[in-house]
Amino acid sequence: QVQLVESGGGLVQPGGSLRLSCAASGSIFSINVMSWYRQAPGKQRERVAVITSSGSGSATTNYKDSVKGRFTISRDNAKNTVYLQMNSLKPEDTAVYYCHANVQARYDSGWFNYWGQGTQVIVSS
């Protein structure tokens, strides 16, 4: 009922930048928290960045320590889209990046978690 589709991954040299996008579609009344995770080969999936719903004020963000100051998460609520701007990329940022959203399908329904299919990011010279 809800689909998350990521885009923007690819091959980039160390020090370069990429911008990931994740668009949610389907039966959506409201989206609460949106996040980006990543999973490198042989490692567990880890959360990279999270952004809450802005509600009546500004949205709050939180980052994994190793990406603070280099990555920026943002969202466009009108488009049900979350972004991850990645600057000063390092080889250790190489992974499949997944977006995650906590979605309410109707005003009177519960909240459910959804995942995108992932987009590959390779940082290499």
N, C-alpha and C. Protein backbone atom coordinates (compact mmCIF):
# COMPACT_ATOMS: atom_id res chain seq x y z
N GLN A 1 0.81 -1.21 0.00
CA GLN A 1 0.00 0.00 0.00
C GLN A 1 0.85 1.26 0.00
N VAL A 2 2.03 1.17 0.59
CA VAL A 2 2.96 2.30 0.59
C VAL A 2 4.27 1.84 -0.02
N GLN A 3 4.77 2.62 -0.95
CA GLN A 3 6.04 2.31 -1.58
C GLN A 3 7.03 3.44 -1.32
N LEU A 4 8.26 3.05 -1.04
CA LEU A 4 9.35 4.01 -0.91
C LEU A 4 10.35 3.71 -2.02
N VAL A 5 10.67 4.72 -2.81
CA VAL A 5 11.58 4.52 -3.93
C VAL A 5 12.76 5.48 -3.80
N GLU A 6 13.95 4.90 -3.65
CA GLU A 6 15.17 5.69 -3.52
C GLU A 6 15.79 5.92 -4.89
N SER A 7 16.56 7.00 -4.98
CA SER A 7 17.34 7.29 -6.18
C SER A 7 18.52 8.15 -5.79
N GLY A 8 19.49 8.24 -6.70
CA GLY A 8 20.61 9.14 -6.48
C GLY A 8 21.93 8.47 -6.13
N GLY A 9 21.93 7.16 -5.95
CA GLY A 9 23.18 6.48 -5.64
C GLY A 9 24.09 6.42 -6.85
N GLY A 10 25.30 5.91 -6.63
CA GLY A 10 26.24 5.78 -7.73
C GLY A 10 27.67 5.69 -7.24
N LEU A 11 28.58 5.84 -8.19
CA LEU A 11 30.02 5.79 -7.92
C LEU A 11 30.56 7.21 -7.84
N VAL A 12 31.31 7.50 -6.78
CA VAL A 12 31.87 8.84 -6.60
C VAL A 12 33.27 8.70 -6.01
N GLN A 13 34.12 9.64 -6.34
CA GLN A 13 35.47 9.63 -5.79
C GLN A 13 35.48 10.15 -4.35
N PRO A 14 36.46 9.74 -3.57
CA PRO A 14 36.58 10.28 -2.21
C PRO A 14 36.61 11.81 -2.23
N GLY A 15 35.89 12.40 -1.30
CA GLY A 15 35.77 13.85 -1.26
C GLY A 15 34.60 14.39 -2.06
N GLY A 16 33.97 13.55 -2.84
CA GLY A 16 32.85 13.98 -3.68
C GLY A 16 31.54 14.03 -2.92
N SER A 17 30.48 14.32 -3.67
CA SER A 17 29.16 14.48 -3.07
C SER A 17 28.12 13.69 -3.87
N LEU A 18 27.08 13.28 -3.16
CA LEU A 18 25.91 12.67 -3.76
C LEU A 18 24.69 13.15 -2.99
N ARG A 19 23.54 13.17 -3.68
CA ARG A 19 22.28 13.49 -3.03
C ARG A 19 21.29 12.35 -3.28
N LEU A 20 20.88 11.71 -2.21
CA LEU A 20 19.90 10.64 -2.30
C LEU A 20 18.50 11.21 -2.09
N SER A 21 17.55 10.63 -2.79
CA SER A 21 16.14 10.99 -2.63
C SER A 21 15.33 9.74 -2.36
N CYS A 22 14.27 9.90 -1.60
CA CYS A 22 13.36 8.79 -1.34
C CYS A 22 11.94 9.33 -1.34
N ALA A 23 11.15 8.88 -2.31
CA ALA A 23 9.78 9.36 -2.45
C ALA A 23 8.81 8.28 -1.98
N ALA A 24 7.90 8.66 -1.12
CA ALA A 24 6.86 7.75 -0.63
C ALA A 24 5.58 7.97 -1.43
N SER A 25 4.91 6.87 -1.77
CA SER A 25 3.66 6.97 -2.51
C SER A 25 2.71 5.87 -2.07
N GLY A 26 1.45 6.03 -2.43
CA GLY A 26 0.45 5.05 -2.05
C GLY A 26 -0.54 5.65 -1.07
N SER A 27 -1.06 4.79 -0.18
CA SER A 27 -2.05 5.22 0.79
C SER A 27 -1.36 5.89 1.96
N ILE A 28 -1.32 7.22 1.93
CA ILE A 28 -0.59 7.98 2.95
C ILE A 28 -1.47 9.10 3.48
N PHE A 29 -1.70 9.10 4.81
CA PHE A 29 -2.37 10.22 5.46
C PHE A 29 -1.35 11.12 6.12
N SER A 30 -0.36 10.49 6.76
CA SER A 30 0.67 11.26 7.46
C SER A 30 1.93 10.43 7.56
N ILE A 31 3.07 11.09 7.54
CA ILE A 31 4.37 10.44 7.74
C ILE A 31 5.03 11.08 8.94
N ASN A 32 5.44 10.26 9.88
CA ASN A 32 6.08 10.75 11.08
C ASN A 32 7.59 10.80 10.85
N VAL A 33 8.31 9.91 11.44
CA VAL A 33 9.77 9.91 11.33
C VAL A 33 10.20 9.32 9.99
N MET A 34 11.20 9.94 9.37
CA MET A 34 11.82 9.42 8.16
C MET A 34 13.32 9.29 8.42
N SER A 35 13.91 8.22 7.93
CA SER A 35 15.31 7.95 8.25
C SER A 35 16.04 7.40 7.04
N TRP A 36 17.36 7.50 7.11
CA TRP A 36 18.24 6.82 6.17
C TRP A 36 19.09 5.83 6.96
N TYR A 37 19.17 4.62 6.45
CA TYR A 37 20.03 3.58 6.99
C TYR A 37 21.01 3.18 5.89
N ARG A 38 22.05 2.47 6.31
CA ARG A 38 22.97 1.90 5.33
C ARG A 38 23.47 0.55 5.81
N GLN A 39 23.85 -0.26 4.84
CA GLN A 39 24.40 -1.58 5.15
C GLN A 39 25.56 -1.87 4.23
N ALA A 40 26.73 -2.00 4.83
CA ALA A 40 27.94 -2.34 4.09
C ALA A 40 28.07 -3.87 4.06
N PRO A 41 28.82 -4.40 3.08
CA PRO A 41 28.98 -5.86 2.99
C PRO A 41 29.53 -6.45 4.28
N GLY A 42 28.88 -7.48 4.76
CA GLY A 42 29.34 -8.14 5.97
C GLY A 42 29.04 -7.42 7.26
N LYS A 43 28.30 -6.33 7.20
CA LYS A 43 28.00 -5.55 8.40
C LYS A 43 26.49 -5.43 8.59
N GLN A 44 26.12 -5.07 9.81
CA GLN A 44 24.71 -4.89 10.11
C GLN A 44 24.22 -3.55 9.56
N ARG A 45 22.92 -3.48 9.31
CA ARG A 45 22.33 -2.23 8.88
C ARG A 45 22.40 -1.24 10.05
N GLU A 46 22.76 0.01 9.74
CA GLU A 46 22.87 1.03 10.77
C GLU A 46 22.15 2.29 10.33
N ARG A 47 21.61 3.00 11.32
CA ARG A 47 20.93 4.24 11.00
C ARG A 47 21.96 5.36 10.84
N VAL A 48 21.81 6.10 9.76
CA VAL A 48 22.74 7.18 9.44
C VAL A 48 22.17 8.53 9.88
N ALA A 49 20.89 8.75 9.59
CA ALA A 49 20.28 10.04 9.90
C ALA A 49 18.77 9.87 10.04
N VAL A 50 18.17 10.71 10.86
CA VAL A 50 16.73 10.66 11.10
C VAL A 50 16.20 12.08 11.18
N ILE A 51 14.97 12.26 10.68
CA ILE A 51 14.31 13.55 10.75
C ILE A 51 12.87 13.33 11.17
N THR A 52 12.43 14.11 12.14
CA THR A 52 11.06 13.99 12.61
C THR A 52 10.13 14.85 11.77
N SER A 53 8.84 14.66 11.99
CA SER A 53 7.85 15.50 11.33
C SER A 53 7.92 16.89 11.92
N SER A 54 7.76 17.90 11.08
CA SER A 54 7.89 19.27 11.57
C SER A 54 6.70 19.68 12.42
N GLY A 55 5.53 19.16 12.15
CA GLY A 55 4.35 19.54 12.92
C GLY A 55 4.16 21.05 12.89
N SER A 56 4.05 21.63 14.09
CA SER A 56 3.84 23.07 14.17
C SER A 56 5.14 23.83 14.26
N GLY A 57 6.26 23.13 14.37
CA GLY A 57 7.56 23.80 14.48
C GLY A 57 8.55 23.20 13.51
N SER A 58 9.81 23.43 13.76
CA SER A 58 10.86 22.90 12.90
C SER A 58 11.07 21.42 13.17
N ALA A 59 11.38 20.68 12.13
CA ALA A 59 11.72 19.27 12.29
C ALA A 59 13.05 19.14 13.00
N THR A 60 13.22 18.08 13.75
CA THR A 60 14.50 17.83 14.41
C THR A 60 15.24 16.72 13.68
N THR A 61 16.56 16.79 13.73
CA THR A 61 17.39 15.81 13.04
C THR A 61 18.41 15.22 13.99
N ASN A 62 18.89 14.04 13.64
CA ASN A 62 19.94 13.40 14.41
C ASN A 62 20.79 12.57 13.46
N TYR A 63 22.09 12.48 13.75
CA TYR A 63 23.02 11.83 12.84
C TYR A 63 23.93 10.85 13.58
N LYS A 64 24.35 9.84 12.86
CA LYS A 64 25.43 8.97 13.33
C LYS A 64 26.68 9.83 13.45
N ASP A 65 27.47 9.59 14.48
CA ASP A 65 28.63 10.44 14.75
C ASP A 65 29.57 10.54 13.54
N SER A 66 29.77 9.45 12.85
CA SER A 66 30.77 9.45 11.78
C SER A 66 30.36 10.27 10.55
N VAL A 67 29.08 10.68 10.48
CA VAL A 67 28.64 11.47 9.33
C VAL A 67 28.28 12.90 9.71
N LYS A 68 28.33 13.21 10.98
CA LYS A 68 28.01 14.58 11.41
C LYS A 68 28.92 15.59 10.73
N GLY A 69 28.31 16.66 10.25
CA GLY A 69 29.08 17.69 9.56
C GLY A 69 29.30 17.41 8.09
N ARG A 70 29.00 16.19 7.65
CA ARG A 70 29.18 15.84 6.23
C ARG A 70 27.85 15.53 5.56
N PHE A 71 26.92 14.93 6.28
CA PHE A 71 25.62 14.55 5.72
C PHE A 71 24.54 15.47 6.27
N THR A 72 23.54 15.74 5.44
CA THR A 72 22.40 16.54 5.86
C THR A 72 21.11 15.87 5.39
N ILE A 73 20.22 15.61 6.34
CA ILE A 73 18.92 15.03 6.00
C ILE A 73 17.88 16.15 5.98
N SER A 74 16.98 16.07 5.02
CA SER A 74 15.90 17.04 4.93
C SER A 74 14.68 16.35 4.34
N ARG A 75 13.53 17.03 4.41
CA ARG A 75 12.31 16.43 3.88
C ARG A 75 11.42 17.50 3.27
N ASP A 76 10.64 17.07 2.30
CA ASP A 76 9.63 17.92 1.67
C ASP A 76 8.29 17.23 1.93
N ASN A 77 7.56 17.71 2.91
CA ASN A 77 6.32 17.06 3.30
C ASN A 77 5.27 17.09 2.20
N ALA A 78 5.27 18.13 1.39
CA ALA A 78 4.30 18.23 0.29
C ALA A 78 4.52 17.13 -0.74
N LYS A 79 5.77 16.68 -0.85
CA LYS A 79 6.11 15.65 -1.83
C LYS A 79 6.32 14.28 -1.19
N ASN A 80 6.14 14.20 0.13
CA ASN A 80 6.39 12.95 0.85
C ASN A 80 7.76 12.38 0.51
N THR A 81 8.75 13.25 0.52
CA THR A 81 10.09 12.89 0.09
C THR A 81 11.12 13.27 1.14
N VAL A 82 12.09 12.40 1.33
CA VAL A 82 13.21 12.68 2.22
C VAL A 82 14.49 12.64 1.40
N TYR A 83 15.43 13.49 1.76
CA TYR A 83 16.69 13.62 1.04
C TYR A 83 17.86 13.36 1.99
N LEU A 84 18.98 12.96 1.41
CA LEU A 84 20.22 12.86 2.16
C LEU A 84 21.33 13.45 1.30
N GLN A 85 21.77 14.63 1.68
CA GLN A 85 22.90 15.26 1.00
C GLN A 85 24.18 14.76 1.66
N MET A 86 25.04 14.14 0.88
CA MET A 86 26.27 13.55 1.39
C MET A 86 27.47 14.25 0.77
N ASN A 87 28.24 14.92 1.60
CA ASN A 87 29.43 15.63 1.15
C ASN A 87 30.67 15.01 1.76
N SER A 88 31.82 15.35 1.20
CA SER A 88 33.11 14.84 1.70
C SER A 88 33.06 13.34 1.91
N LEU A 89 32.59 12.64 0.92
CA LEU A 89 32.40 11.19 1.03
C LEU A 89 33.74 10.47 1.19
N LYS A 90 33.69 9.40 1.98
CA LYS A 90 34.87 8.59 2.27
C LYS A 90 34.61 7.16 1.81
N PRO A 91 35.67 6.40 1.56
CA PRO A 91 35.47 4.99 1.16
C PRO A 91 34.62 4.21 2.16
N GLU A 92 34.73 4.54 3.43
CA GLU A 92 33.95 3.82 4.44
C GLU A 92 32.47 4.16 4.41
N ASP A 93 32.08 5.11 3.57
CA ASP A 93 30.65 5.40 3.38
C ASP A 93 30.02 4.46 2.35
N THR A 94 30.84 3.65 1.72
CA THR A 94 30.33 2.70 0.72
C THR A 94 29.36 1.73 1.37
N ALA A 95 28.17 1.64 0.80
CA ALA A 95 27.11 0.78 1.35
C ALA A 95 25.88 0.88 0.47
N VAL A 96 24.92 0.01 0.77
CA VAL A 96 23.58 0.19 0.21
C VAL A 96 22.80 1.07 1.19
N TYR A 97 22.22 2.12 0.69
CA TYR A 97 21.48 3.06 1.53
C TYR A 97 19.98 2.83 1.36
N TYR A 98 19.30 2.73 2.50
CA TYR A 98 17.86 2.46 2.53
C TYR A 98 17.14 3.61 3.23
N CYS A 99 15.98 3.97 2.70
CA CYS A 99 15.17 4.92 3.45
C CYS A 99 14.08 4.17 4.21
N HIS A 100 13.62 4.77 5.26
CA HIS A 100 12.64 4.18 6.15
C HIS A 100 11.65 5.26 6.54
N ALA A 101 10.38 4.90 6.60
CA ALA A 101 9.36 5.87 6.98
C ALA A 101 8.32 5.24 7.88
N ASN A 102 7.84 5.99 8.83
CA ASN A 102 6.76 5.59 9.73
C ASN A 102 5.49 6.29 9.23
N VAL A 103 4.55 5.48 8.72
CA VAL A 103 3.44 6.03 7.94
C VAL A 103 2.08 5.67 8.54
N GLN A 104 1.18 6.64 8.50
CA GLN A 104 -0.21 6.42 8.87
C GLN A 104 -1.03 6.50 7.58
N ALA A 105 -1.73 5.42 7.27
CA ALA A 105 -2.45 5.37 6.00
C ALA A 105 -3.74 6.20 6.02
N ARG A 106 -4.43 6.21 7.14
CA ARG A 106 -5.67 6.99 7.31
C ARG A 106 -5.63 7.66 8.67
N TYR A 107 -6.50 8.65 8.86
CA TYR A 107 -6.47 9.42 10.11
C TYR A 107 -6.76 8.54 11.32
N ASP A 108 -7.49 7.42 11.09
CA ASP A 108 -7.89 6.57 12.20
C ASP A 108 -7.15 5.22 12.20
N SER A 109 -6.10 5.11 11.41
CA SER A 109 -5.36 3.85 11.36
C SER A 109 -4.08 3.94 12.19
N GLY A 110 -3.46 2.81 12.37
CA GLY A 110 -2.20 2.77 13.11
C GLY A 110 -1.03 3.23 12.26
N TRP A 111 0.13 3.22 12.88
CA TRP A 111 1.36 3.62 12.20
C TRP A 111 2.15 2.37 11.84
N PHE A 112 2.69 2.36 10.62
CA PHE A 112 3.45 1.20 10.15
C PHE A 112 4.77 1.66 9.55
N ASN A 113 5.75 0.77 9.62
CA ASN A 113 7.07 1.07 9.10
C ASN A 113 7.26 0.49 7.71
N TYR A 114 7.88 1.27 6.84
CA TYR A 114 8.13 0.83 5.47
C TYR A 114 9.59 1.11 5.11
N TRP A 115 10.10 0.25 4.20
CA TRP A 115 11.49 0.37 3.73
C TRP A 115 11.51 0.51 2.21
N GLY A 116 12.50 1.24 1.73
CA GLY A 116 12.77 1.28 0.31
C GLY A 116 13.61 0.08 -0.09
N GLN A 117 13.87 -0.02 -1.40
CA GLN A 117 14.60 -1.19 -1.92
C GLN A 117 16.10 -1.02 -1.83
N GLY A 118 16.55 0.19 -1.54
CA GLY A 118 17.97 0.45 -1.40
C GLY A 118 18.61 1.01 -2.66
N THR A 119 19.63 1.82 -2.45
CA THR A 119 20.40 2.38 -3.57
C THR A 119 21.88 2.28 -3.21
N GLN A 120 22.68 1.81 -4.15
CA GLN A 120 24.09 1.56 -3.89
C GLN A 120 24.90 2.84 -3.98
N VAL A 121 25.75 3.04 -2.99
CA VAL A 121 26.72 4.14 -3.00
C VAL A 121 28.10 3.53 -2.90
N ILE A 122 28.95 3.85 -3.86
CA ILE A 122 30.34 3.37 -3.87
C ILE A 122 31.26 4.57 -3.91
N VAL A 123 32.13 4.65 -2.92
CA VAL A 123 33.11 5.74 -2.85
C VAL A 123 34.48 5.13 -3.10
N SER A 124 35.04 5.45 -4.25
CA SER A 124 36.29 4.83 -4.64
C SER A 124 36.99 5.67 -5.70
N SER A 125 38.32 5.63 -5.65
CA SER A 125 39.09 6.33 -6.68
C SER A 125 39.44 5.38 -7.82
